[in-house]
């Protein structure tokens, strides 16, 4: 049966986040939902899947908290299994940068709508940065974007420290759903970068809103569930996940002798 997938996040002070875990998990299980929701003092971050009514019921329940009344979410339909179970986790950060002094709820860069993103990408004075990790970038990215070559978001501050705000006066950044960019843009503003822009709603919103014939996206977009990747219009992609090392595998990589489903792939066969 088709499933509705909803992703959402918000940076907002939730001092009672620990108390929310059990009631939220219980409600999700009652609704038959699967997925992961992260709760921290800095906010909420989640991806859930299930019957459309159940998904919308949960979103409505979350918005009964006045602090989450304006919680935005993105939806897509999939025929694939997305999650094995439902988890609600307590975390120090809803996206881990390792710098608790960076607080996106106090200010971020300038949001750019998906429909206006191409113009920014085409500006030669703009430095375009893919905030995601290297294995995500390998699945797909925007034209002329810089790859920080990180293996975790914790490494992004080190990458930023190597950039000169004078040489990069205008920054445009993007990530999967927008959450990492909110924290990354807050970091860059704190580091002295004056013009910092980021794609509102992330790559997922762009793939949904911008027609294929106008798209500057190349490849597919990695997602953190069992779909592995999605394409234009948030349709299921062609990648699979290596169950040994977790690396996404393209259709070509799936045909190599080094790929054995559930055992090894070209990225881990030697180890």
Protein backbone atom coordinates (compact mmCIF):
# COMPACT_ATOMS: atom_id res chain seq x y z
CA UNK A 1 0.00 0.00 0.00
CA UNK A 2 1.22 3.55 -0.69
CA UNK A 3 2.61 5.38 2.32
CA UNK A 4 2.69 9.07 3.07
CA UNK A 5 6.13 10.26 4.20
CA UNK A 6 6.34 13.52 6.13
CA UNK A 7 9.52 15.33 7.20
CA UNK A 8 9.56 18.25 9.60
CA UNK A 9 11.83 20.21 11.92
CA UNK A 10 11.89 23.37 13.95
CA UNK A 11 14.49 25.07 16.10
CA UNK A 12 12.59 26.25 19.17
CA UNK A 13 13.31 26.12 22.89
CA UNK A 14 11.75 22.92 24.30
CA UNK A 15 12.87 22.79 27.92
CA UNK A 16 10.39 19.97 28.59
CA UNK A 17 11.52 17.84 25.64
CA UNK A 18 12.29 14.78 27.79
CA UNK A 19 8.74 14.74 29.15
CA UNK A 20 7.35 14.68 25.62
CA UNK A 21 9.03 11.43 24.58
CA UNK A 22 6.79 8.75 26.08
CA UNK A 23 3.39 10.36 25.22
CA UNK A 24 4.62 11.07 21.68
CA UNK A 25 5.93 7.54 21.14
CA UNK A 26 2.72 6.04 22.51
CA UNK A 27 0.58 8.14 20.17
CA UNK A 28 2.70 7.28 17.12
CA UNK A 29 2.43 3.56 17.89
CA UNK A 30 -1.34 3.85 18.34
CA UNK A 31 -1.54 5.48 14.91
CA UNK A 32 0.54 2.75 13.31
CA UNK A 33 3.30 5.15 12.30
CA UNK A 34 6.94 4.29 11.68
CA UNK A 35 9.95 6.56 11.52
CA UNK A 36 12.22 8.60 13.76
CA UNK A 37 11.58 11.76 15.76
CA UNK A 38 14.41 13.53 17.57
CA UNK A 39 13.70 15.76 20.55
CA UNK A 40 16.19 18.15 22.14
CA UNK A 41 16.13 21.36 24.09
CA UNK A 42 16.83 23.14 20.79
CA UNK A 43 13.78 21.71 18.99
CA UNK A 44 12.31 18.81 17.02
CA UNK A 45 13.35 16.92 13.88
CA UNK A 46 11.50 13.99 12.35
CA UNK A 47 10.61 11.80 9.41
CA UNK A 48 7.52 9.60 9.74
CA UNK A 49 5.58 7.34 7.39
CA UNK A 50 2.22 5.64 7.39
CA UNK A 51 -1.41 6.06 6.47
CA UNK A 52 -2.13 9.64 5.39
CA UNK A 53 -4.78 10.13 8.07
CA UNK A 54 -2.40 8.92 10.78
CA UNK A 55 0.40 11.20 9.57
CA UNK A 56 -1.88 14.22 9.53
CA UNK A 57 -3.24 13.30 12.96
CA UNK A 58 0.26 13.34 14.41
CA UNK A 59 1.10 16.68 12.81
CA UNK A 60 -2.10 18.12 14.26
CA UNK A 61 -1.19 16.82 17.72
CA UNK A 62 2.29 18.34 17.51
CA UNK A 63 0.80 21.72 16.58
CA UNK A 64 -1.36 21.79 19.70
CA UNK A 65 1.86 22.87 21.44
CA UNK A 66 1.91 26.64 20.86
CA UNK A 67 5.67 26.49 20.29
CA UNK A 68 5.09 24.17 17.31
CA UNK A 69 1.90 25.79 16.00
CA UNK A 70 3.67 26.95 12.83
CA UNK A 71 5.58 23.69 12.28
CA UNK A 72 6.13 23.21 8.54
CA UNK A 73 6.42 19.83 6.89
CA UNK A 74 7.04 18.25 3.50
CA UNK A 75 5.10 15.28 2.10
CA UNK A 76 5.80 12.60 -0.48
CA UNK A 77 4.19 9.31 -1.50
CA UNK A 78 6.14 6.07 -1.74
CA UNK A 79 5.36 2.47 -2.59
CA UNK A 80 8.49 1.36 -0.74
CA UNK A 81 9.00 0.41 2.87
CA UNK A 82 10.62 3.38 4.60
CA UNK A 83 11.18 2.39 8.25
CA UNK A 84 11.09 -0.84 10.26
CA UNK A 85 9.80 0.69 13.49
CA UNK A 86 8.90 3.88 15.34
CA UNK A 87 11.54 5.64 17.45
CA UNK A 88 11.41 8.84 19.49
CA UNK A 89 14.88 9.75 20.72
CA UNK A 90 16.18 12.32 23.18
CA UNK A 91 19.28 14.12 21.91
CA UNK A 92 21.60 16.96 22.84
CA UNK A 93 21.05 18.44 19.36
CA UNK A 94 18.44 17.69 16.70
CA UNK A 95 21.27 17.99 14.16
CA UNK A 96 24.71 17.52 15.63
CA UNK A 97 27.19 20.32 14.97
CA UNK A 98 28.95 20.08 18.33
CA UNK A 99 28.74 23.82 18.99
CA UNK A 100 25.91 24.45 21.49
CA UNK A 101 26.48 28.20 21.32
CA UNK A 102 25.13 28.24 17.75
CA UNK A 103 21.38 28.81 18.10
CA UNK A 104 19.37 29.00 14.83
CA UNK A 105 16.28 30.11 16.77
CA UNK A 106 18.09 33.41 17.33
CA UNK A 107 18.83 33.98 13.65
CA UNK A 108 19.86 32.24 10.43
CA UNK A 109 20.81 33.21 6.91
CA UNK A 110 18.35 34.44 4.30
CA UNK A 111 15.86 31.87 3.03
CA UNK A 112 15.62 31.47 -0.74
CA UNK A 113 12.50 29.93 -2.27
CA UNK A 114 13.03 26.97 -4.62
CA UNK A 115 11.64 29.00 -7.52
CA UNK A 116 14.35 31.64 -6.97
CA UNK A 117 17.23 29.27 -6.34
CA UNK A 118 18.38 28.91 -9.97
CA UNK A 119 19.07 32.63 -10.23
CA UNK A 120 21.31 32.49 -7.17
CA UNK A 121 23.16 29.43 -8.49
CA UNK A 122 23.80 31.27 -11.76
CA UNK A 123 25.39 34.28 -10.05
CA UNK A 124 29.19 33.97 -10.55
CA UNK A 125 29.81 36.01 -7.39
CA UNK A 126 28.09 33.42 -5.21
CA UNK A 127 29.98 30.56 -3.54
CA UNK A 128 27.62 27.57 -3.50
CA UNK A 129 28.20 25.03 -0.71
CA UNK A 130 26.67 21.57 -0.36
CA UNK A 131 26.37 21.22 3.42
CA UNK A 132 25.83 17.45 3.30
CA UNK A 133 28.38 14.68 3.76
CA UNK A 134 30.54 13.36 0.94
CA UNK A 135 28.61 10.09 0.44
CA UNK A 136 25.38 12.09 0.01
CA UNK A 137 27.02 14.41 -2.50
CA UNK A 138 28.16 11.40 -4.52
CA UNK A 139 24.50 10.50 -5.19
CA UNK A 140 23.62 13.94 -6.58
CA UNK A 141 24.17 17.67 -6.15
CA UNK A 142 23.68 21.07 -7.79
CA UNK A 143 25.90 22.32 -10.60
CA UNK A 144 29.02 24.29 -9.53
CA UNK A 145 28.56 23.57 -5.84
CA UNK A 146 31.50 23.02 -3.47
CA UNK A 147 31.80 19.68 -1.66
CA UNK A 148 33.29 20.14 1.85
CA UNK A 149 34.28 16.43 1.84
CA UNK A 150 32.92 15.84 5.34
CA UNK A 151 31.98 12.47 6.80
CA UNK A 152 29.83 14.06 9.53
CA UNK A 153 28.23 17.45 10.15
CA UNK A 154 30.59 17.91 13.11
CA UNK A 155 33.38 18.50 10.60
CA UNK A 156 31.63 21.42 8.93
CA UNK A 157 32.97 24.09 11.37
CA UNK A 158 36.53 23.07 10.42
CA UNK A 159 35.65 23.52 6.74
CA UNK A 160 34.20 26.97 7.44
CA UNK A 161 37.34 27.99 9.35
CA UNK A 162 39.33 27.53 6.13
CA UNK A 163 37.18 30.01 4.18
CA UNK A 164 37.94 33.72 4.09
CA UNK A 165 34.81 35.90 4.40
CA UNK A 166 36.55 38.55 2.28
CA UNK A 167 37.10 36.13 -0.60
CA UNK A 168 33.61 34.64 -0.31
CA UNK A 169 31.31 37.62 0.33
CA UNK A 170 28.16 35.82 -0.85
CA UNK A 171 27.39 32.28 0.27
CA UNK A 172 24.51 30.04 -0.87
CA UNK A 173 24.09 26.67 0.84
CA UNK A 174 21.75 23.73 0.60
CA UNK A 175 21.04 20.38 2.26
CA UNK A 176 18.38 17.65 2.09
CA UNK A 177 15.50 19.23 4.00
CA UNK A 178 16.95 22.53 5.20
CA UNK A 179 17.76 21.72 8.82
CA UNK A 180 21.54 21.51 8.50
CA UNK A 181 21.57 24.76 6.52
CA UNK A 182 19.77 26.61 9.29
CA UNK A 183 22.49 25.70 11.77
CA UNK A 184 25.28 26.07 9.21
CA UNK A 185 24.11 29.54 8.18
CA UNK A 186 23.93 30.63 11.82
CA UNK A 187 27.51 29.39 12.21
CA UNK A 188 28.74 31.28 9.14
CA UNK A 189 27.11 34.50 10.25
CA UNK A 190 28.85 34.12 13.60
CA UNK A 191 32.14 33.63 11.73
CA UNK A 192 31.84 36.96 9.93
CA UNK A 193 30.21 36.02 6.62
CA UNK A 194 27.81 38.86 5.83
CA UNK A 195 25.63 37.50 3.00
CA UNK A 196 24.52 33.95 3.69
CA UNK A 197 21.61 32.39 1.81
CA UNK A 198 20.09 28.92 2.09
CA UNK A 199 17.51 26.94 0.13
CA UNK A 200 14.18 26.97 1.97
CA UNK A 201 12.91 23.44 2.46
CA UNK A 202 16.13 22.02 1.07
CA UNK A 203 16.65 19.85 -1.98
CA UNK A 204 13.38 18.01 -1.40
CA UNK A 205 11.37 21.22 -1.80
CA UNK A 206 13.35 22.11 -4.93
CA UNK A 207 12.75 18.72 -6.57
CA UNK A 208 9.05 19.06 -5.80
CA UNK A 209 8.61 22.68 -6.93
CA UNK A 210 10.94 23.13 -9.92
CA UNK A 211 10.03 21.44 -13.24
CA UNK A 212 12.51 18.90 -14.56
CA UNK A 213 13.23 20.97 -17.66
CA UNK A 214 14.32 23.90 -15.48
CA UNK A 215 16.13 21.92 -12.83
CA UNK A 216 19.85 22.45 -12.17
CA UNK A 217 19.97 19.34 -9.97
CA UNK A 218 22.21 16.52 -11.15
CA UNK A 219 21.63 12.92 -10.05
CA UNK A 220 19.38 11.75 -7.23
CA UNK A 221 18.95 12.97 -3.65
CA UNK A 222 20.02 10.72 -0.78
CA UNK A 223 17.44 10.38 2.01
CA UNK A 224 17.84 8.80 5.44
CA UNK A 225 15.28 6.01 5.11
CA UNK A 226 14.88 2.78 3.18
CA UNK A 227 14.07 4.57 -0.07
CA UNK A 228 17.80 5.51 -0.09
CA UNK A 229 17.31 8.20 -2.74
CA UNK A 230 14.57 10.15 -4.52
CA UNK A 231 14.36 11.89 -7.88
CA UNK A 232 12.44 14.75 -9.46
CA UNK A 233 8.97 15.08 -7.96
CA UNK A 234 10.13 13.13 -4.86
CA UNK A 235 9.69 9.85 -6.73
CA UNK A 236 11.51 6.75 -5.47
CA UNK A 237 15.05 6.61 -6.84
CA UNK A 238 17.25 3.82 -8.22
CA UNK A 239 19.86 3.53 -5.44
CA UNK A 240 20.02 0.76 -2.85
CA UNK A 241 21.87 0.68 0.46
CA UNK A 242 24.78 -1.65 1.18
CA UNK A 243 23.70 -3.42 4.37
CA UNK A 244 27.32 -4.02 5.32
CA UNK A 245 28.79 -0.50 5.22
CA UNK A 246 25.74 1.72 4.64
CA UNK A 247 27.00 3.30 1.40
CA UNK A 248 24.40 4.15 -1.28
CA UNK A 249 24.90 2.19 -4.50
CA UNK A 250 23.97 3.29 -8.01
CA UNK A 251 22.43 0.86 -10.53
CA UNK A 252 25.87 0.50 -12.16
CA UNK A 253 27.55 -0.30 -8.84
CA UNK A 254 24.87 -2.91 -8.17
CA UNK A 255 26.00 -4.85 -11.27
CA UNK A 256 29.67 -5.16 -10.28
CA UNK A 257 31.21 -8.43 -9.11
CA UNK A 258 32.07 -6.82 -5.78
CA UNK A 259 28.41 -6.29 -4.91
CA UNK A 260 26.69 -9.08 -2.99
CA UNK A 261 23.32 -8.04 -1.60
CA UNK A 262 23.40 -7.92 2.18
CA UNK A 263 27.10 -8.85 2.32
CA UNK A 264 29.45 -6.40 0.59
CA UNK A 265 29.81 -3.74 -2.09
CA UNK A 266 32.62 -2.00 -4.02
CA UNK A 267 33.16 0.36 -1.04
CA UNK A 268 33.68 -2.33 1.59
CA UNK A 269 34.49 -5.61 -0.17
CA UNK A 270 38.23 -5.21 0.47
CA UNK A 271 37.65 -4.94 4.23
